[in-house]
N, C-alpha and C. Protein backbone atom coordinates (compact mmCIF):
# COMPACT_ATOMS: atom_id res chain seq x y z
N MET A 1 -3.44 -1.75 13.69
CA MET A 1 -3.38 -0.27 13.79
C MET A 1 -5.16 -0.31 14.57
N GLY A 2 -5.20 0.75 15.35
CA GLY A 2 -5.92 0.61 16.19
C GLY A 2 -5.98 1.67 17.25
N SER A 3 -6.76 1.64 18.88
CA SER A 3 -6.95 2.20 19.67
C SER A 3 -6.31 1.33 21.03
N SER A 4 -6.82 1.28 22.30
CA SER A 4 -6.79 0.75 23.38
C SER A 4 -6.65 -0.99 23.34
N SER A 5 -7.87 -1.35 22.70
CA SER A 5 -8.02 -2.61 22.27
C SER A 5 -6.83 -3.29 22.02
N ALA A 6 -6.09 -2.76 20.55
CA ALA A 6 -5.45 -3.28 19.27
C ALA A 6 -3.87 -3.61 20.75
N LEU A 7 -3.87 -2.04 21.42
CA LEU A 7 -2.35 -1.59 22.19
C LEU A 7 -2.67 -2.62 23.24
N GLY A 8 -3.89 -3.54 24.17
CA GLY A 8 -3.33 -4.07 24.45
C GLY A 8 -3.86 -3.46 26.27
N TYR A 9 -4.57 -2.65 26.50
CA TYR A 9 -4.80 -1.74 27.72
C TYR A 9 -5.55 -2.16 28.79
N PHE A 10 -4.93 -2.58 29.87
CA PHE A 10 -5.05 -2.91 31.21
C PHE A 10 -5.07 -2.63 31.82
N GLY A 11 -5.46 -1.08 32.07
CA GLY A 11 -4.93 -0.11 33.21
C GLY A 11 -4.01 0.46 33.22
N ASN A 12 -4.23 1.57 34.20
CA ASN A 12 -3.23 2.42 34.19
C ASN A 12 -2.35 2.30 35.93
N PRO A 13 -1.54 1.79 36.96
CA PRO A 13 -0.72 0.66 35.99
C PRO A 13 -1.66 -0.21 35.24
N PRO A 14 -0.90 -1.86 34.53
CA PRO A 14 -1.41 -2.44 33.79
C PRO A 14 -1.74 -3.61 35.17
N GLN A 15 -3.47 -4.04 35.10
CA GLN A 15 -3.27 -5.54 35.85
C GLN A 15 -3.00 -6.82 35.24
N PHE A 16 -2.52 -6.54 34.30
CA PHE A 16 -2.44 -8.06 33.25
C PHE A 16 -1.33 -7.77 32.00
N PRO A 17 -0.25 -8.53 31.97
CA PRO A 17 0.74 -8.46 31.21
C PRO A 17 0.18 -7.94 29.60
N LYS A 18 1.28 -6.53 28.84
CA LYS A 18 0.63 -6.67 27.61
C LYS A 18 0.21 -7.88 27.20
N ASP A 19 1.09 -8.88 26.64
CA ASP A 19 0.87 -9.92 25.57
C ASP A 19 -0.79 -11.22 26.24
N SER A 20 -1.03 -9.73 26.89
CA SER A 20 -2.13 -10.26 27.19
C SER A 20 -3.71 -10.11 25.72
N GLY A 21 -3.34 -9.01 25.76
CA GLY A 21 -3.91 -8.60 24.63
C GLY A 21 -3.95 -9.43 23.26
N TRP A 22 -5.25 -9.08 22.27
CA TRP A 22 -5.55 -10.02 20.87
C TRP A 22 -4.46 -9.64 20.36
N ALA A 23 -3.93 -8.83 20.22
CA ALA A 23 -2.70 -8.39 19.46
C ALA A 23 -1.44 -9.22 19.26
N TYR A 24 -0.86 -9.23 20.73
CA TYR A 24 -0.19 -10.38 20.88
C TYR A 24 0.03 -11.36 21.05
N LYS A 25 -0.99 -11.66 21.45
CA LYS A 25 -1.79 -13.45 21.17
C LYS A 25 -2.13 -14.20 20.11
N LEU A 26 -1.87 -13.10 18.91
CA LEU A 26 -1.93 -13.09 17.52
C LEU A 26 -0.20 -13.33 17.18
N LYS A 27 0.26 -12.42 17.67
CA LYS A 27 2.07 -12.58 17.14
C LYS A 27 2.32 -14.37 17.83
N ASP A 28 1.48 -14.31 18.85
CA ASP A 28 2.40 -15.38 19.46
C ASP A 28 1.93 -16.94 18.82
N HIS A 29 0.50 -17.05 18.43
CA HIS A 29 0.21 -17.59 17.34
C HIS A 29 0.66 -18.07 16.13
N PHE A 30 1.05 -16.64 15.49
CA PHE A 30 1.88 -17.24 14.24
C PHE A 30 3.04 -17.77 13.60
N LYS A 31 3.95 -16.86 15.02
CA LYS A 31 4.81 -17.17 15.37
C LYS A 31 5.43 -18.50 15.49
N ASN A 32 4.81 -18.61 16.43
CA ASN A 32 4.57 -20.42 16.66
C ASN A 32 4.92 -21.25 15.52
N LEU A 33 3.94 -20.87 14.75
CA LEU A 33 3.76 -21.78 13.12
C LEU A 33 4.75 -21.39 12.56
N GLY A 34 5.46 -20.29 12.56
CA GLY A 34 6.72 -20.43 11.39
C GLY A 34 6.18 -19.01 10.78
N ILE A 35 4.57 -18.79 10.80
CA ILE A 35 4.48 -17.63 9.49
C ILE A 35 4.10 -16.57 9.42
N ILE A 36 4.61 -15.64 10.82
CA ILE A 36 5.25 -14.74 10.52
C ILE A 36 6.66 -14.64 11.66
N ASP A 37 7.28 -12.93 11.16
CA ASP A 37 8.66 -12.82 12.25
C ASP A 37 8.07 -11.17 12.40
N THR A 38 7.26 -10.68 12.41
CA THR A 38 7.29 -9.03 13.19
C THR A 38 5.93 -8.79 13.37
N LEU A 39 5.85 -8.25 14.53
CA LEU A 39 4.40 -7.88 14.63
C LEU A 39 4.25 -6.30 14.55
N TYR A 40 3.94 -5.35 13.71
CA TYR A 40 4.82 -3.69 14.01
C TYR A 40 3.09 -3.45 14.78
N ASN A 41 2.60 -2.78 15.61
CA ASN A 41 1.41 -2.41 16.33
C ASN A 41 1.50 -1.20 17.15
N ILE A 42 0.87 -0.49 15.97
CA ILE A 42 0.48 1.35 16.13
C ILE A 42 -0.63 1.36 16.33
N ALA A 43 -1.01 1.58 18.16
CA ALA A 43 -2.00 1.94 18.44
C ALA A 43 -2.12 3.31 19.50
N VAL A 44 -3.42 3.31 19.66
CA VAL A 44 -3.32 4.70 20.70
C VAL A 44 -4.77 4.80 21.29
N PRO A 45 -4.39 5.05 22.78
CA PRO A 45 -5.66 4.81 23.55
C PRO A 45 -6.23 6.07 23.20
N GLY A 46 -7.52 5.92 23.17
CA GLY A 46 -8.61 7.08 22.73
C GLY A 46 -8.64 7.07 21.01
N GLY A 47 -8.04 6.82 20.61
CA GLY A 47 -7.91 7.26 19.09
C GLY A 47 -8.82 6.58 18.20
N ASP A 48 -9.70 7.56 17.19
CA ASP A 48 -10.71 7.14 16.63
C ASP A 48 -9.78 6.99 14.95
N PRO A 49 -10.98 6.75 13.96
CA PRO A 49 -10.29 6.49 12.93
C PRO A 49 -9.81 7.61 11.98
N TYR A 50 -10.16 8.47 12.86
CA TYR A 50 -9.33 9.78 12.13
C TYR A 50 -8.18 10.18 12.14
N VAL A 51 -7.72 9.39 13.57
CA VAL A 51 -6.59 9.21 13.96
C VAL A 51 -5.55 8.56 12.88
N GLY A 52 -6.28 8.03 12.68
CA GLY A 52 -5.36 6.56 11.41
C GLY A 52 -5.75 6.92 9.86
N MET A 53 -6.20 7.72 9.44
CA MET A 53 -6.17 8.70 8.24
C MET A 53 -5.00 9.02 7.89
N PRO A 54 -4.59 8.92 6.49
CA PRO A 54 -3.08 8.85 5.47
C PRO A 54 -2.82 10.57 6.31
N SER A 55 -1.69 10.72 6.27
CA SER A 55 -0.73 12.03 6.87
C SER A 55 -1.29 13.70 6.16
N SER A 56 -1.58 12.75 4.94
CA SER A 56 -2.29 14.25 3.31
C SER A 56 -3.81 14.68 3.65
N TYR A 57 -4.17 13.62 4.75
CA TYR A 57 -5.78 13.89 4.94
C TYR A 57 -6.01 15.32 5.91
N VAL A 58 -7.14 16.22 5.21
CA VAL A 58 -6.90 17.38 6.04
C VAL A 58 -8.81 16.99 6.38
N PRO A 59 -8.88 17.24 7.84
CA PRO A 59 -10.50 16.33 8.67
C PRO A 59 -11.32 17.56 8.45
N PRO A 60 -12.22 17.26 9.10
CA PRO A 60 -13.37 19.00 9.01
C PRO A 60 -12.84 19.09 10.13
N VAL A 61 -13.72 20.23 10.61
CA VAL A 61 -13.73 21.26 11.49
C VAL A 61 -13.41 20.25 13.12
N GLY A 62 -13.57 19.89 13.76
CA GLY A 62 -13.83 19.60 14.95
C GLY A 62 -13.16 18.09 15.24
N ARG A 63 -12.73 17.54 14.02
CA ARG A 63 -12.25 15.96 13.83
C ARG A 63 -10.81 16.52 14.53
N ASP A 64 -10.38 14.99 14.93
CA ASP A 64 -9.26 14.75 15.15
C ASP A 64 -7.99 14.84 13.28
N LYS A 65 -6.83 15.28 14.08
CA LYS A 65 -5.99 15.30 12.82
C LYS A 65 -5.13 13.80 12.63
N PRO A 66 -4.95 12.85 11.65
CA PRO A 66 -4.14 11.94 11.51
C PRO A 66 -2.61 11.88 12.03
N ASP A 67 -2.74 11.08 12.92
CA ASP A 67 -1.67 11.12 13.44
C ASP A 67 0.13 10.56 13.34
N ALA A 68 0.84 10.63 13.01
CA ALA A 68 2.40 10.31 11.80
C ALA A 68 2.46 8.89 12.73
N ARG A 69 2.02 9.25 14.09
CA ARG A 69 2.67 8.16 14.74
C ARG A 69 1.82 6.67 14.61
N PHE A 70 0.64 7.15 14.02
CA PHE A 70 -0.31 6.13 14.50
C PHE A 70 -1.24 5.27 13.27
N ASN A 71 -0.86 6.05 12.08
CA ASN A 71 -2.04 6.28 11.04
C ASN A 71 -1.10 5.26 9.72
N ILE A 72 -2.58 5.15 8.87
CA ILE A 72 -2.02 4.08 7.94
C ILE A 72 -0.88 4.35 7.00
N THR A 73 -0.26 6.20 6.94
CA THR A 73 0.94 6.12 6.13
C THR A 73 1.70 5.68 7.00
N LYS A 74 2.13 5.86 8.15
CA LYS A 74 2.78 4.53 8.67
C LYS A 74 3.04 3.47 8.85
N ALA A 75 1.94 2.63 8.92
CA ALA A 75 1.73 1.23 8.43
C ALA A 75 2.03 0.56 7.48
N ILE A 76 2.01 1.62 6.21
CA ILE A 76 2.59 1.25 4.81
C ILE A 76 4.00 1.53 4.17
N ASN A 77 4.65 1.87 5.21
CA ASN A 77 6.28 2.75 5.13
C ASN A 77 6.34 2.07 6.14
N PHE A 78 6.49 1.15 7.12
CA PHE A 78 7.35 -0.02 7.91
C PHE A 78 7.99 -1.23 6.60
N VAL A 79 9.85 -1.32 7.29
CA VAL A 79 10.29 -1.85 6.08
C VAL A 79 10.81 -2.77 7.17
N PRO A 80 10.40 -4.19 7.23
CA PRO A 80 9.54 -4.79 5.60
C PRO A 80 8.04 -4.54 6.01
N ARG A 81 7.73 -4.28 4.49
CA ARG A 81 6.33 -4.16 4.38
C ARG A 81 5.34 -5.33 4.93
N PRO A 82 4.28 -4.52 5.65
CA PRO A 82 3.37 -5.84 6.59
C PRO A 82 2.22 -6.26 5.37
N ASP A 83 2.53 -7.58 5.35
CA ASP A 83 1.87 -8.73 4.22
C ASP A 83 -0.07 -8.01 4.86
N VAL A 84 0.01 -8.39 5.89
CA VAL A 84 -1.57 -7.74 6.35
C VAL A 84 -1.87 -6.21 7.34
N ILE A 85 -2.75 -5.87 7.25
CA ILE A 85 -2.95 -4.88 8.50
C ILE A 85 -4.54 -4.93 8.92
N ILE A 86 -4.40 -4.82 10.03
CA ILE A 86 -5.91 -4.99 10.85
C ILE A 86 -6.01 -3.65 11.64
N VAL A 87 -7.31 -3.11 11.30
CA VAL A 87 -7.41 -1.99 11.74
C VAL A 87 -8.72 -1.87 12.41
N ASN A 88 -8.20 -1.82 13.91
CA ASN A 88 -9.30 -1.75 15.27
C ASN A 88 -9.47 -0.72 16.06
N PHE A 89 -10.44 0.56 15.46
CA PHE A 89 -11.37 1.47 15.92
C PHE A 89 -12.66 0.98 16.53
N PRO A 90 -12.57 0.21 17.94
CA PRO A 90 -13.85 -0.39 18.62
C PRO A 90 -15.04 0.95 18.85
N SER A 91 -14.85 1.56 19.29
CA SER A 91 -15.83 2.69 19.57
C SER A 91 -15.46 4.41 20.14
N ASN A 92 -14.24 4.53 20.39
CA ASN A 92 -13.85 5.77 20.85
C ASN A 92 -14.80 7.08 19.90
N HIS A 93 -15.45 7.81 20.27
CA HIS A 93 -16.11 8.93 19.88
C HIS A 93 -16.91 8.24 18.83
N TYR A 94 -17.59 7.12 19.03
CA TYR A 94 -18.40 6.87 18.08
C TYR A 94 -19.86 6.91 18.82
N ASP A 95 -19.88 7.73 19.73
CA ASP A 95 -21.31 8.25 20.93
C ASP A 95 -21.48 9.54 19.39
N TRP A 96 -21.08 10.23 19.28
CA TRP A 96 -21.30 11.66 18.39
C TRP A 96 -20.47 11.32 17.00
N LEU A 97 -19.18 10.47 16.37
CA LEU A 97 -19.39 10.56 15.32
C LEU A 97 -20.62 9.48 14.11
N THR A 98 -20.75 10.11 13.10
CA THR A 98 -21.47 9.73 12.04
C THR A 98 -21.08 8.71 11.59
N PRO A 99 -21.79 7.52 11.24
CA PRO A 99 -21.82 6.74 10.65
C PRO A 99 -21.32 6.35 9.62
N ALA A 100 -21.94 7.48 8.53
CA ALA A 100 -21.13 7.66 7.18
C ALA A 100 -19.79 8.04 6.82
N GLU A 101 -19.13 9.26 8.61
CA GLU A 101 -17.69 9.86 8.28
C GLU A 101 -17.26 8.49 9.13
N ILE A 102 -17.45 7.57 9.85
CA ILE A 102 -16.74 6.13 10.57
C ILE A 102 -16.55 5.59 8.79
N ILE A 103 -17.44 5.27 8.62
CA ILE A 103 -17.35 4.53 7.06
C ILE A 103 -16.33 5.09 5.90
N HIS A 104 -16.53 6.39 5.90
CA HIS A 104 -15.69 6.93 5.32
C HIS A 104 -14.07 6.62 5.29
N CYS A 105 -13.84 6.87 6.73
CA CYS A 105 -12.65 7.20 7.18
C CYS A 105 -12.08 5.29 6.96
N LEU A 106 -12.48 4.43 7.24
CA LEU A 106 -12.30 2.83 6.98
C LEU A 106 -11.86 2.55 5.94
N LYS A 107 -12.81 3.12 5.14
CA LYS A 107 -12.58 2.83 4.05
C LYS A 107 -11.29 3.43 3.07
N VAL A 108 -11.22 4.84 3.50
CA VAL A 108 -9.79 5.45 3.38
C VAL A 108 -8.90 4.77 3.67
N ILE A 109 -8.98 4.25 4.53
CA ILE A 109 -7.68 3.48 5.06
C ILE A 109 -7.35 2.05 4.84
N LYS A 110 -8.47 1.77 4.25
CA LYS A 110 -8.33 0.26 3.92
C LYS A 110 -7.90 0.40 2.17
N ASP A 111 -8.47 1.37 1.21
CA ASP A 111 -7.72 1.75 -0.04
C ASP A 111 -6.45 1.95 0.07
N SER A 112 -5.67 2.91 1.02
CA SER A 112 -4.74 3.63 1.32
C SER A 112 -3.95 1.45 1.49
N ALA A 113 -4.08 0.94 1.90
CA ALA A 113 -3.09 -0.16 2.46
C ALA A 113 -3.41 -1.30 1.01
N VAL A 114 -4.87 -1.29 0.14
CA VAL A 114 -4.69 -2.04 -0.41
C VAL A 114 -4.46 -1.12 -1.94
N ALA A 115 -3.95 -0.51 -1.89
CA ALA A 115 -3.34 0.64 -3.30
C ALA A 115 -1.72 0.42 -3.34
N ASN A 116 -1.12 -0.30 -1.90
CA ASN A 116 0.26 -0.97 -1.78
C ASN A 116 0.38 -2.25 -1.43
N ASN A 117 -0.97 -2.89 -2.17
CA ASN A 117 -0.86 -4.28 -1.98
C ASN A 117 -0.36 -5.13 -0.63
N ILE A 118 -1.22 -4.43 0.61
CA ILE A 118 -1.02 -5.54 1.40
C ILE A 118 -2.55 -5.49 2.06
N LYS A 119 -2.83 -6.62 1.96
CA LYS A 119 -4.46 -6.76 2.48
C LYS A 119 -4.55 -6.18 3.63
N CYS A 120 -5.80 -5.49 3.95
CA CYS A 120 -6.51 -5.04 5.27
C CYS A 120 -8.11 -5.61 5.36
N TYR A 121 -7.99 -5.58 7.13
CA TYR A 121 -9.46 -6.25 7.30
C TYR A 121 -9.33 -4.94 8.56
N ILE A 122 -10.90 -5.02 8.43
CA ILE A 122 -11.38 -3.71 9.07
C ILE A 122 -12.31 -4.55 10.81
N THR A 123 -12.23 -4.24 11.84
CA THR A 123 -13.04 -4.94 12.95
C THR A 123 -14.21 -3.93 13.20
N THR A 124 -15.10 -4.98 13.08
CA THR A 124 -16.52 -4.22 14.16
C THR A 124 -16.25 -3.66 15.28
N PRO A 125 -17.31 -2.77 15.50
CA PRO A 125 -17.14 -2.07 16.68
C PRO A 125 -16.74 -3.11 17.98
N GLN A 126 -16.14 -2.84 19.23
CA GLN A 126 -16.98 -4.04 20.12
C GLN A 126 -18.27 -3.31 21.52
N PRO A 127 -18.62 -4.06 22.12
CA PRO A 127 -19.79 -3.38 22.94
C PRO A 127 -18.49 -2.68 23.83
N ARG A 128 -19.48 -1.37 24.34
CA ARG A 128 -19.19 -0.56 25.42
C ARG A 128 -20.47 -0.16 26.68
N ASP A 129 -19.73 -0.60 27.63
CA ASP A 129 -20.96 -0.41 28.28
C ASP A 129 -21.35 0.85 29.39
N SER A 130 -20.30 1.86 29.02
CA SER A 130 -20.25 3.64 29.39
C SER A 130 -21.36 3.94 28.25
N PHE A 131 -21.69 3.60 27.17
CA PHE A 131 -22.32 4.35 26.62
C PHE A 131 -23.73 3.92 26.69
N SER A 132 -24.62 4.76 26.49
CA SER A 132 -25.93 4.83 26.73
C SER A 132 -26.66 3.72 25.66
N PRO A 133 -27.95 3.22 26.10
CA PRO A 133 -28.63 2.34 25.74
C PRO A 133 -29.07 2.82 23.71
N VAL A 134 -29.08 3.68 23.74
CA VAL A 134 -29.25 4.38 22.21
C VAL A 134 -27.79 4.33 21.66
N GLU A 135 -26.79 4.79 22.27
CA GLU A 135 -25.15 5.13 21.93
C GLU A 135 -24.94 3.18 21.51
N ARG A 136 -25.59 2.26 22.44
CA ARG A 136 -24.92 0.71 22.29
C ARG A 136 -25.80 0.63 20.91
N GLN A 137 -27.16 0.61 20.94
CA GLN A 137 -27.75 0.65 19.48
C GLN A 137 -26.41 1.27 18.89
N LYS A 138 -26.53 2.33 18.39
CA LYS A 138 -25.37 2.67 17.59
C LYS A 138 -24.48 1.57 17.22
N LEU A 139 -23.68 1.39 18.35
CA LEU A 139 -22.62 0.26 18.08
C LEU A 139 -23.28 -0.69 17.37
N LYS A 140 -24.10 -1.13 17.53
CA LYS A 140 -24.56 -2.61 16.94
C LYS A 140 -25.39 -2.38 15.50
N ASP A 141 -25.71 -1.30 15.24
CA ASP A 141 -25.95 -1.04 13.86
C ASP A 141 -24.98 -0.73 13.25
N LEU A 142 -23.71 -0.06 13.64
CA LEU A 142 -22.52 0.14 12.76
C LEU A 142 -21.90 -1.17 12.48
N LYS A 143 -21.80 -2.37 13.57
CA LYS A 143 -21.14 -3.41 13.32
C LYS A 143 -21.81 -4.38 11.93
N LEU A 144 -23.22 -3.93 11.66
CA LEU A 144 -23.91 -4.31 10.81
C LEU A 144 -23.59 -3.28 9.28
N LEU A 145 -23.34 -2.40 9.60
CA LEU A 145 -23.08 -1.89 8.39
C LEU A 145 -21.23 -1.76 7.96
N ILE A 146 -20.35 -2.16 8.49
CA ILE A 146 -19.16 -2.31 8.88
C ILE A 146 -18.96 -3.34 7.99
N GLU A 147 -19.73 -4.78 8.52
CA GLU A 147 -19.55 -6.13 7.64
C GLU A 147 -20.02 -5.99 6.52
N SER A 148 -21.30 -4.94 6.27
CA SER A 148 -21.77 -5.30 4.77
C SER A 148 -21.18 -4.10 3.64
N THR A 149 -20.56 -3.28 4.28
CA THR A 149 -19.24 -2.79 3.53
C THR A 149 -18.00 -3.01 3.02
N PHE A 150 -17.49 -3.92 4.28
CA PHE A 150 -16.95 -5.02 3.66
C PHE A 150 -16.46 -5.57 3.66
N SER A 151 -17.74 -6.88 3.99
CA SER A 151 -18.20 -8.06 3.28
C SER A 151 -16.68 -9.10 4.36
N GLU A 152 -15.64 -9.74 3.10
CA GLU A 152 -15.24 -10.39 3.79
C GLU A 152 -14.23 -10.35 4.42
N TRP A 153 -13.86 -9.01 3.99
CA TRP A 153 -12.54 -7.84 4.67
C TRP A 153 -13.07 -7.67 6.38
N SER A 154 -14.28 -8.14 6.38
CA SER A 154 -14.48 -7.85 8.39
C SER A 154 -14.36 -8.93 8.68
N LEU A 155 -13.80 -8.12 10.42
CA LEU A 155 -14.07 -9.25 11.33
C LEU A 155 -15.08 -8.95 12.65
N ASP A 156 -15.30 -9.41 13.09
CA ASP A 156 -17.10 -9.62 13.86
C ASP A 156 -16.06 -9.72 15.10
N PHE A 157 -15.67 -8.41 16.07
CA PHE A 157 -15.47 -8.58 17.14
C PHE A 157 -16.54 -7.68 18.00
N TRP A 158 -17.29 -8.33 18.04
CA TRP A 158 -19.09 -7.92 18.74
C TRP A 158 -19.75 -9.09 19.13
N THR A 159 -20.13 -9.86 18.04
CA THR A 159 -21.39 -11.06 18.21
C THR A 159 -20.75 -11.86 19.74
N ASP A 160 -19.51 -12.36 19.96
CA ASP A 160 -19.51 -12.80 20.80
C ASP A 160 -19.18 -12.75 22.53
N LEU A 161 -18.70 -10.97 22.39
CA LEU A 161 -18.49 -10.51 23.51
C LEU A 161 -19.56 -9.92 24.15
N VAL A 162 -20.93 -9.83 23.56
CA VAL A 162 -22.37 -8.88 23.74
C VAL A 162 -23.00 -9.31 24.67
N LEU A 163 -23.86 -9.31 25.69
CA LEU A 163 -24.99 -9.56 26.04
C LEU A 163 -26.19 -9.27 26.25
N GLY A 164 -27.19 -9.79 25.12
CA GLY A 164 -28.22 -9.89 24.83
C GLY A 164 -28.34 -8.55 24.46
N SER A 165 -30.09 -8.25 25.06
CA SER A 165 -30.66 -7.25 24.53
C SER A 165 -29.99 -5.97 24.94
N ASN A 166 -29.43 -5.83 26.39
CA ASN A 166 -29.33 -4.73 26.63
C ASN A 166 -27.77 -4.33 26.28
N LEU A 167 -27.28 -5.13 25.16
CA LEU A 167 -25.96 -4.64 24.51
C LEU A 167 -24.51 -4.21 25.26
N LYS A 168 -24.40 -5.01 26.27
CA LYS A 168 -23.23 -4.74 27.07
C LYS A 168 -21.96 -5.73 26.86
N ILE A 169 -21.19 -5.32 27.61
CA ILE A 169 -19.86 -6.59 27.69
C ILE A 169 -20.58 -7.76 28.43
N LYS A 170 -20.13 -9.29 27.49
CA LYS A 170 -20.44 -10.22 29.07
C LYS A 170 -19.20 -9.94 30.08
N PRO A 171 -20.07 -10.23 31.30
CA PRO A 171 -18.91 -10.12 32.80
C PRO A 171 -17.67 -10.86 32.25
N GLU A 172 -17.92 -12.20 31.68
CA GLU A 172 -17.25 -12.90 31.67
C GLU A 172 -16.03 -12.32 30.95
N TYR A 173 -16.39 -11.50 30.15
CA TYR A 173 -15.00 -10.63 29.60
C TYR A 173 -14.94 -9.49 29.64
N ALA A 174 -15.31 -8.84 30.40
CA ALA A 174 -15.36 -7.52 31.21
C ALA A 174 -14.13 -6.86 31.92
N PHE A 175 -13.19 -6.36 31.48
CA PHE A 175 -11.97 -5.57 32.67
C PHE A 175 -12.68 -5.19 33.66
N GLY A 176 -13.88 -3.91 33.87
CA GLY A 176 -14.97 -3.72 34.39
C GLY A 176 -14.83 -2.44 34.78
N ASP A 177 -13.67 -1.40 33.62
CA ASP A 177 -14.01 -0.15 33.42
C ASP A 177 -15.56 0.37 32.73
N GLY A 178 -15.84 -0.72 32.17
CA GLY A 178 -16.99 -0.05 31.34
C GLY A 178 -16.51 -0.17 29.94
N VAL A 179 -15.17 -0.36 29.26
CA VAL A 179 -14.38 0.01 28.12
C VAL A 179 -14.22 -1.04 27.80
N HIS A 180 -13.32 -1.51 28.37
CA HIS A 180 -12.29 -2.84 28.03
C HIS A 180 -12.70 -3.84 28.18
N LEU A 181 -11.95 -4.82 27.78
CA LEU A 181 -12.18 -6.23 28.07
C LEU A 181 -11.23 -7.27 28.40
N ASN A 182 -11.17 -7.79 29.65
CA ASN A 182 -10.52 -8.72 30.25
C ASN A 182 -9.39 -9.80 29.38
N PRO A 183 -8.39 -10.29 29.49
CA PRO A 183 -7.61 -11.30 28.69
C PRO A 183 -8.67 -12.26 28.19
N ALA A 184 -9.66 -12.70 28.76
CA ALA A 184 -10.72 -13.65 28.05
C ALA A 184 -11.25 -13.27 27.01
N GLY A 185 -11.61 -11.85 27.41
CA GLY A 185 -12.31 -11.24 26.15
C GLY A 185 -11.49 -10.80 24.74
N HIS A 186 -9.85 -10.69 25.15
CA HIS A 186 -9.13 -11.20 24.03
C HIS A 186 -8.73 -11.85 23.87
N THR A 187 -9.31 -13.42 24.22
CA THR A 187 -8.79 -14.52 23.49
C THR A 187 -9.98 -14.99 22.71
N VAL A 188 -11.38 -14.17 23.02
CA VAL A 188 -12.74 -14.48 21.97
C VAL A 188 -12.05 -13.45 20.81
N LEU A 189 -11.21 -12.29 20.51
CA LEU A 189 -11.13 -12.04 19.67
C LEU A 189 -10.26 -12.26 18.68
N VAL A 190 -8.77 -13.27 19.30
CA VAL A 190 -7.19 -13.45 18.56
C VAL A 190 -8.72 -14.52 18.16
N ASN A 191 -9.14 -16.14 18.51
CA ASN A 191 -9.73 -16.70 17.95
C ASN A 191 -10.31 -16.37 16.17
N LYS A 192 -11.46 -15.08 16.71
CA LYS A 192 -11.62 -14.64 15.37
C LYS A 192 -11.20 -14.78 14.72
N VAL A 193 -9.81 -14.01 14.57
CA VAL A 193 -8.33 -13.29 13.81
C VAL A 193 -8.18 -14.93 13.00
N ILE A 194 -7.89 -15.51 13.67
CA ILE A 194 -7.57 -16.85 13.88
C ILE A 194 -8.00 -17.69 12.33
N GLN A 195 -9.69 -18.06 13.19
CA GLN A 195 -10.18 -18.63 12.39
C GLN A 195 -10.52 -17.75 10.69
N LYS A 196 -10.32 -16.52 10.65
CA LYS A 196 -10.21 -15.68 9.52
C LYS A 196 -9.23 -16.22 8.29
N ASN A 197 -8.42 -16.95 8.73
CA ASN A 197 -6.98 -17.40 7.86
C ASN A 197 -6.85 -16.33 7.11
N ILE A 198 -6.25 -14.99 8.24
CA ILE A 198 -5.93 -13.21 7.20
C ILE A 198 -5.02 -14.03 6.14
N PHE A 199 -3.41 -14.74 6.47
CA PHE A 199 -2.68 -15.23 5.47
C PHE A 199 -2.90 -16.23 4.28
């Protein structure tokens, strides 16, 4: 569950097939090994962690409401129930949402999964060129905060994608719109998940 990165966004109209996205690459990898039979992908372009909160949650004024089509309540009620949930909200609204509220939302989402005996991994932010230098530094700081908060349940979607001190997307992984990754960038992400041995 998450936003356009999890969805596999490559423009409108798409410049690459959806299965070039990391989530679909992950599905193919584990299906070919006979480990999984189903991928539920509930991701919405532009979504932030508030969208993923439980349906019963009432957000603060000025924040997005949970969306029952894409949230943790939807995820935990699939039949058959998921074994693992990956939460991938890389940067939407992180220029103005506070780190404390981002972490709060991610904790509630993860706790909802764990309460239903589902493993849950939280991805770090991904670099975003369209942010200002101060906002890009905020993403880096949030990456460290997510790793310290979620420890072994975090997935590093930052380190191998980011270009040096300017904290932009490495050109070889950039889709070109200042936000999204190309298929090579998504391969970096799927390899991070595979290395985590989530099953």
